[in-house]
């Protein structure tokens, strides 16, 4: 794995939004109710942050 010494804020922001979108779709697909989806989303965010 390559580690960069610099960061591109635009790239980072775009990637973050893409990841969030993927998580949202995955959560919706995996859970039957909106309530369960929100719980899973919050749990995932607490793990990744």
PDB file of N, CA and C in Angstrom:
ATOM      1  N   UNK A   1       0.835  -1.202   0.000  1.00  0.00           N
ATOM      2  CA  UNK A   1       0.000   0.000   0.000  1.00  0.00           C
ATOM      3  C   UNK A   1       0.872   1.255   0.000  1.00  0.00           C
ATOM      4  N   UNK A   2       0.487   2.215  -0.823  1.00  0.00           N
ATOM      5  CA  UNK A   2       1.274   3.438  -0.967  1.00  0.00           C
ATOM      6  C   UNK A   2       0.696   4.531  -0.076  1.00  0.00           C
ATOM      7  N   UNK A   3       1.563   5.178   0.684  1.00  0.00           N
ATOM      8  CA  UNK A   3       1.143   6.309   1.516  1.00  0.00           C
ATOM      9  C   UNK A   3       1.644   7.605   0.906  1.00  0.00           C
ATOM     10  N   UNK A   4       0.727   8.540   0.689  1.00  0.00           N
ATOM     11  CA  UNK A   4       1.103   9.832   0.119  1.00  0.00           C
ATOM     12  C   UNK A   4       1.382  10.820   1.246  1.00  0.00           C
ATOM     13  N   UNK A   5       2.394  11.664   1.019  1.00  0.00           N
ATOM     14  CA  UNK A   5       2.745  12.672   2.021  1.00  0.00           C
ATOM     15  C   UNK A   5       1.852  13.904   1.899  1.00  0.00           C
ATOM     16  N   UNK A   6       1.173  14.051   0.755  1.00  0.00           N
ATOM     17  CA  UNK A   6       0.275  15.194   0.541  1.00  0.00           C
ATOM     18  C   UNK A   6      -1.155  14.705   0.404  1.00  0.00           C
ATOM     19  N   UNK A   7      -2.093  15.626   0.609  1.00  0.00           N
ATOM     20  CA  UNK A   7      -3.499  15.279   0.473  1.00  0.00           C
ATOM     21  C   UNK A   7      -4.207  16.286  -0.435  1.00  0.00           C
ATOM     22  N   UNK A   8      -5.051  15.775  -1.305  1.00  0.00           N
ATOM     23  CA  UNK A   8      -5.865  16.620  -2.178  1.00  0.00           C
ATOM     24  C   UNK A   8      -7.257  16.726  -1.556  1.00  0.00           C
ATOM     25  N   UNK A   9      -7.607  17.884  -1.003  1.00  0.00           N
ATOM     26  CA  UNK A   9      -8.905  18.040  -0.337  1.00  0.00           C
ATOM     27  C   UNK A   9     -10.089  17.723  -1.242  1.00  0.00           C
ATOM     28  N   UNK A  10      -9.999  18.126  -2.515  1.00  0.00           N
ATOM     29  CA  UNK A  10     -11.079  17.870  -3.468  1.00  0.00           C
ATOM     30  C   UNK A  10     -11.266  16.370  -3.689  1.00  0.00           C
ATOM     31  N   UNK A  11     -10.163  15.670  -3.896  1.00  0.00           N
ATOM     32  CA  UNK A  11     -10.196  14.232  -4.137  1.00  0.00           C
ATOM     33  C   UNK A  11     -10.735  13.500  -2.910  1.00  0.00           C
ATOM     34  N   UNK A  12     -10.251  13.917  -1.736  1.00  0.00           N
ATOM     35  CA  UNK A  12     -10.670  13.305  -0.483  1.00  0.00           C
ATOM     36  C   UNK A  12     -12.175  13.473  -0.267  1.00  0.00           C
ATOM     37  N   UNK A  13     -12.670  14.691  -0.523  1.00  0.00           N
ATOM     38  CA  UNK A  13     -14.085  15.002  -0.357  1.00  0.00           C
ATOM     39  C   UNK A  13     -14.930  14.170  -1.313  1.00  0.00           C
ATOM     40  N   UNK A  14     -14.512  14.101  -2.558  1.00  0.00           N
ATOM     41  CA  UNK A  14     -15.247  13.324  -3.573  1.00  0.00           C
ATOM     42  C   UNK A  14     -15.286  11.844  -3.194  1.00  0.00           C
ATOM     43  N   UNK A  15     -14.149  11.294  -2.801  1.00  0.00           N
ATOM     44  CA  UNK A  15     -14.088   9.898  -2.382  1.00  0.00           C
ATOM     45  C   UNK A  15     -14.980   9.635  -1.182  1.00  0.00           C
ATOM     46  N   UNK A  16     -14.983  10.558  -0.238  1.00  0.00           N
ATOM     47  CA  UNK A  16     -15.832  10.436   0.945  1.00  0.00           C
ATOM     48  C   UNK A  16     -17.296  10.350   0.579  1.00  0.00           C
ATOM     49  N   UNK A  17     -17.717  11.199  -0.369  1.00  0.00           N
ATOM     50  CA  UNK A  17     -19.105  11.215  -0.810  1.00  0.00           C
ATOM     51  C   UNK A  17     -19.470   9.919  -1.526  1.00  0.00           C
ATOM     52  N   UNK A  18     -18.547   9.404  -2.346  1.00  0.00           N
ATOM     53  CA  UNK A  18     -18.768   8.146  -3.063  1.00  0.00           C
ATOM     54  C   UNK A  18     -18.937   7.003  -2.060  1.00  0.00           C
ATOM     55  N   UNK A  19     -18.046   6.933  -1.080  1.00  0.00           N
ATOM     56  CA  UNK A  19     -18.104   5.889  -0.056  1.00  0.00           C
ATOM     57  C   UNK A  19     -19.425   5.971   0.711  1.00  0.00           C
ATOM     58  N   UNK A  20     -19.815   7.198   1.094  1.00  0.00           N
ATOM     59  CA  UNK A  20     -21.062   7.402   1.828  1.00  0.00           C
ATOM     60  C   UNK A  20     -22.257   6.918   1.014  1.00  0.00           C
ATOM     61  N   UNK A  21     -22.239   7.193  -0.287  1.00  0.00           N
ATOM     62  CA  UNK A  21     -23.305   6.782  -1.207  1.00  0.00           C
ATOM     63  C   UNK A  21     -23.382   5.255  -1.289  1.00  0.00           C
ATOM     64  N   UNK A  22     -22.230   4.602  -1.397  1.00  0.00           N
ATOM     65  CA  UNK A  22     -22.160   3.138  -1.459  1.00  0.00           C
ATOM     66  C   UNK A  22     -22.701   2.532  -0.162  1.00  0.00           C
ATOM     67  N   UNK A  23     -22.299   3.095   0.987  1.00  0.00           N
ATOM     68  CA  UNK A  23     -22.770   2.625   2.290  1.00  0.00           C
ATOM     69  C   UNK A  23     -24.287   2.738   2.352  1.00  0.00           C
ATOM     70  N   UNK A  24     -24.809   3.875   1.901  1.00  0.00           N
ATOM     71  CA  UNK A  24     -26.250   4.118   1.935  1.00  0.00           C
ATOM     72  C   UNK A  24     -27.005   3.058   1.135  1.00  0.00           C
ATOM     73  N   UNK A  25     -26.551   2.762  -0.063  1.00  0.00           N
ATOM     74  CA  UNK A  25     -27.189   1.757  -0.917  1.00  0.00           C
ATOM     75  C   UNK A  25     -27.095   0.372  -0.270  1.00  0.00           C
ATOM     76  N   UNK A  26     -25.923   0.049   0.243  1.00  0.00           N
ATOM     77  CA  UNK A  26     -25.693  -1.249   0.876  1.00  0.00           C
ATOM     78  C   UNK A  26     -26.605  -1.432   2.080  1.00  0.00           C
ATOM     79  N   UNK A  27     -26.682  -0.391   2.907  1.00  0.00           N
ATOM     80  CA  UNK A  27     -27.534  -0.423   4.100  1.00  0.00           C
ATOM     81  C   UNK A  27     -28.997  -0.614   3.712  1.00  0.00           C
ATOM     82  N   UNK A  28     -29.446   0.109   2.702  1.00  0.00           N
ATOM     83  CA  UNK A  28     -30.834  -0.002   2.231  1.00  0.00           C
ATOM     84  C   UNK A  28     -31.115  -1.396   1.693  1.00  0.00           C
ATOM     85  N   UNK A  29     -30.161  -1.963   0.995  1.00  0.00           N
ATOM     86  CA  UNK A  29     -30.326  -3.290   0.419  1.00  0.00           C
ATOM     87  C   UNK A  29     -30.331  -4.380   1.497  1.00  0.00           C
ATOM     88  N   UNK A  30     -29.518  -4.188   2.523  1.00  0.00           N
ATOM     89  CA  UNK A  30     -29.376  -5.200   3.575  1.00  0.00           C
ATOM     90  C   UNK A  30     -30.489  -5.162   4.611  1.00  0.00           C
ATOM     91  N   UNK A  31     -31.075  -4.002   4.837  1.00  0.00           N
ATOM     92  CA  UNK A  31     -32.088  -3.879   5.880  1.00  0.00           C
ATOM     93  C   UNK A  31     -33.480  -3.738   5.293  1.00  0.00           C
ATOM     94  N   UNK A  32     -34.470  -4.233   5.996  1.00  0.00           N
ATOM     95  CA  UNK A  32     -35.844  -4.208   5.516  1.00  0.00           C
ATOM     96  C   UNK A  32     -36.570  -2.929   5.910  1.00  0.00           C
ATOM     97  N   UNK A  33     -36.168  -2.334   7.017  1.00  0.00           N
ATOM     98  CA  UNK A  33     -36.837  -1.114   7.462  1.00  0.00           C
ATOM     99  C   UNK A  33     -35.874   0.054   7.518  1.00  0.00           C
ATOM    100  N   UNK A  34     -36.427   1.252   7.408  1.00  0.00           N
ATOM    101  CA  UNK A  34     -35.624   2.476   7.459  1.00  0.00           C
ATOM    102  C   UNK A  34     -34.933   2.602   8.821  1.00  0.00           C
ATOM    103  N   UNK A  35     -35.643   2.227   9.876  1.00  0.00           N
ATOM    104  CA  UNK A  35     -35.118   2.309  11.240  1.00  0.00           C
ATOM    105  C   UNK A  35     -33.856   1.447  11.385  1.00  0.00           C
ATOM    106  N   UNK A  36     -33.914   0.229  10.910  1.00  0.00           N
ATOM    107  CA  UNK A  36     -32.756  -0.675  10.965  1.00  0.00           C
ATOM    108  C   UNK A  36     -31.608  -0.128  10.122  1.00  0.00           C
ATOM    109  N   UNK A  37     -31.970   0.453   8.990  1.00  0.00           N
ATOM    110  CA  UNK A  37     -30.965   1.036   8.098  1.00  0.00           C
ATOM    111  C   UNK A  37     -30.194   2.156   8.775  1.00  0.00           C
ATOM    112  N   UNK A  38     -30.931   3.014   9.491  1.00  0.00           N
ATOM    113  CA  UNK A  38     -30.296   4.129  10.198  1.00  0.00           C
ATOM    114  C   UNK A  38     -29.382   3.613  11.315  1.00  0.00           C
ATOM    115  N   UNK A  39     -29.814   2.586  12.016  1.00  0.00           N
ATOM    116  CA  UNK A  39     -28.992   2.004  13.093  1.00  0.00           C
ATOM    117  C   UNK A  39     -27.690   1.438  12.524  1.00  0.00           C
ATOM    118  N   UNK A  40     -27.802   0.725  11.410  1.00  0.00           N
ATOM    119  CA  UNK A  40     -26.621   0.137  10.772  1.00  0.00           C
ATOM    120  C   UNK A  40     -25.668   1.231  10.283  1.00  0.00           C
ATOM    121  N   UNK A  41     -26.244   2.293   9.733  1.00  0.00           N
ATOM    122  CA  UNK A  41     -25.456   3.413   9.218  1.00  0.00           C
ATOM    123  C   UNK A  41     -24.689   4.091  10.355  1.00  0.00           C
ATOM    124  N   UNK A  42     -25.359   4.325  11.453  1.00  0.00           N
ATOM    125  CA  UNK A  42     -24.731   4.967  12.613  1.00  0.00           C
ATOM    126  C   UNK A  42     -23.622   4.083  13.179  1.00  0.00           C
ATOM    127  N   UNK A  43     -23.882   2.794  13.250  1.00  0.00           N
ATOM    128  CA  UNK A  43     -22.882   1.838  13.746  1.00  0.00           C
ATOM    129  C   UNK A  43     -21.653   1.846  12.840  1.00  0.00           C
ATOM    130  N   UNK A  44     -21.879   1.856  11.538  1.00  0.00           N
ATOM    131  CA  UNK A  44     -20.781   1.864  10.587  1.00  0.00           C
ATOM    132  C   UNK A  44     -19.950   3.134  10.709  1.00  0.00           C
ATOM    133  N   UNK A  45     -20.627   4.279  10.840  1.00  0.00           N
ATOM    134  CA  UNK A  45     -19.928   5.557  10.975  1.00  0.00           C
ATOM    135  C   UNK A  45     -19.096   5.608  12.258  1.00  0.00           C
ATOM    136  N   UNK A  46     -19.629   5.061  13.346  1.00  0.00           N
ATOM    137  CA  UNK A  46     -18.896   5.072  14.620  1.00  0.00           C
ATOM    138  C   UNK A  46     -17.654   4.174  14.541  1.00  0.00           C
ATOM    139  N   UNK A  47     -17.727   3.133  13.726  1.00  0.00           N
ATOM    140  CA  UNK A  47     -16.579   2.231  13.535  1.00  0.00           C
ATOM    141  C   UNK A  47     -15.513   2.910  12.675  1.00  0.00           C
ATOM    142  N   UNK A  48     -15.934   3.562  11.586  1.00  0.00           N
ATOM    143  CA  UNK A  48     -14.974   4.130  10.637  1.00  0.00           C
ATOM    144  C   UNK A  48     -14.390   5.466  11.082  1.00  0.00           C
ATOM    145  N   UNK A  49     -15.094   6.204  11.931  1.00  0.00           N
ATOM    146  CA  UNK A  49     -14.622   7.527  12.355  1.00  0.00           C
ATOM    147  C   UNK A  49     -13.686   7.455  13.559  1.00  0.00           C
TER     148      UNK A  49
END
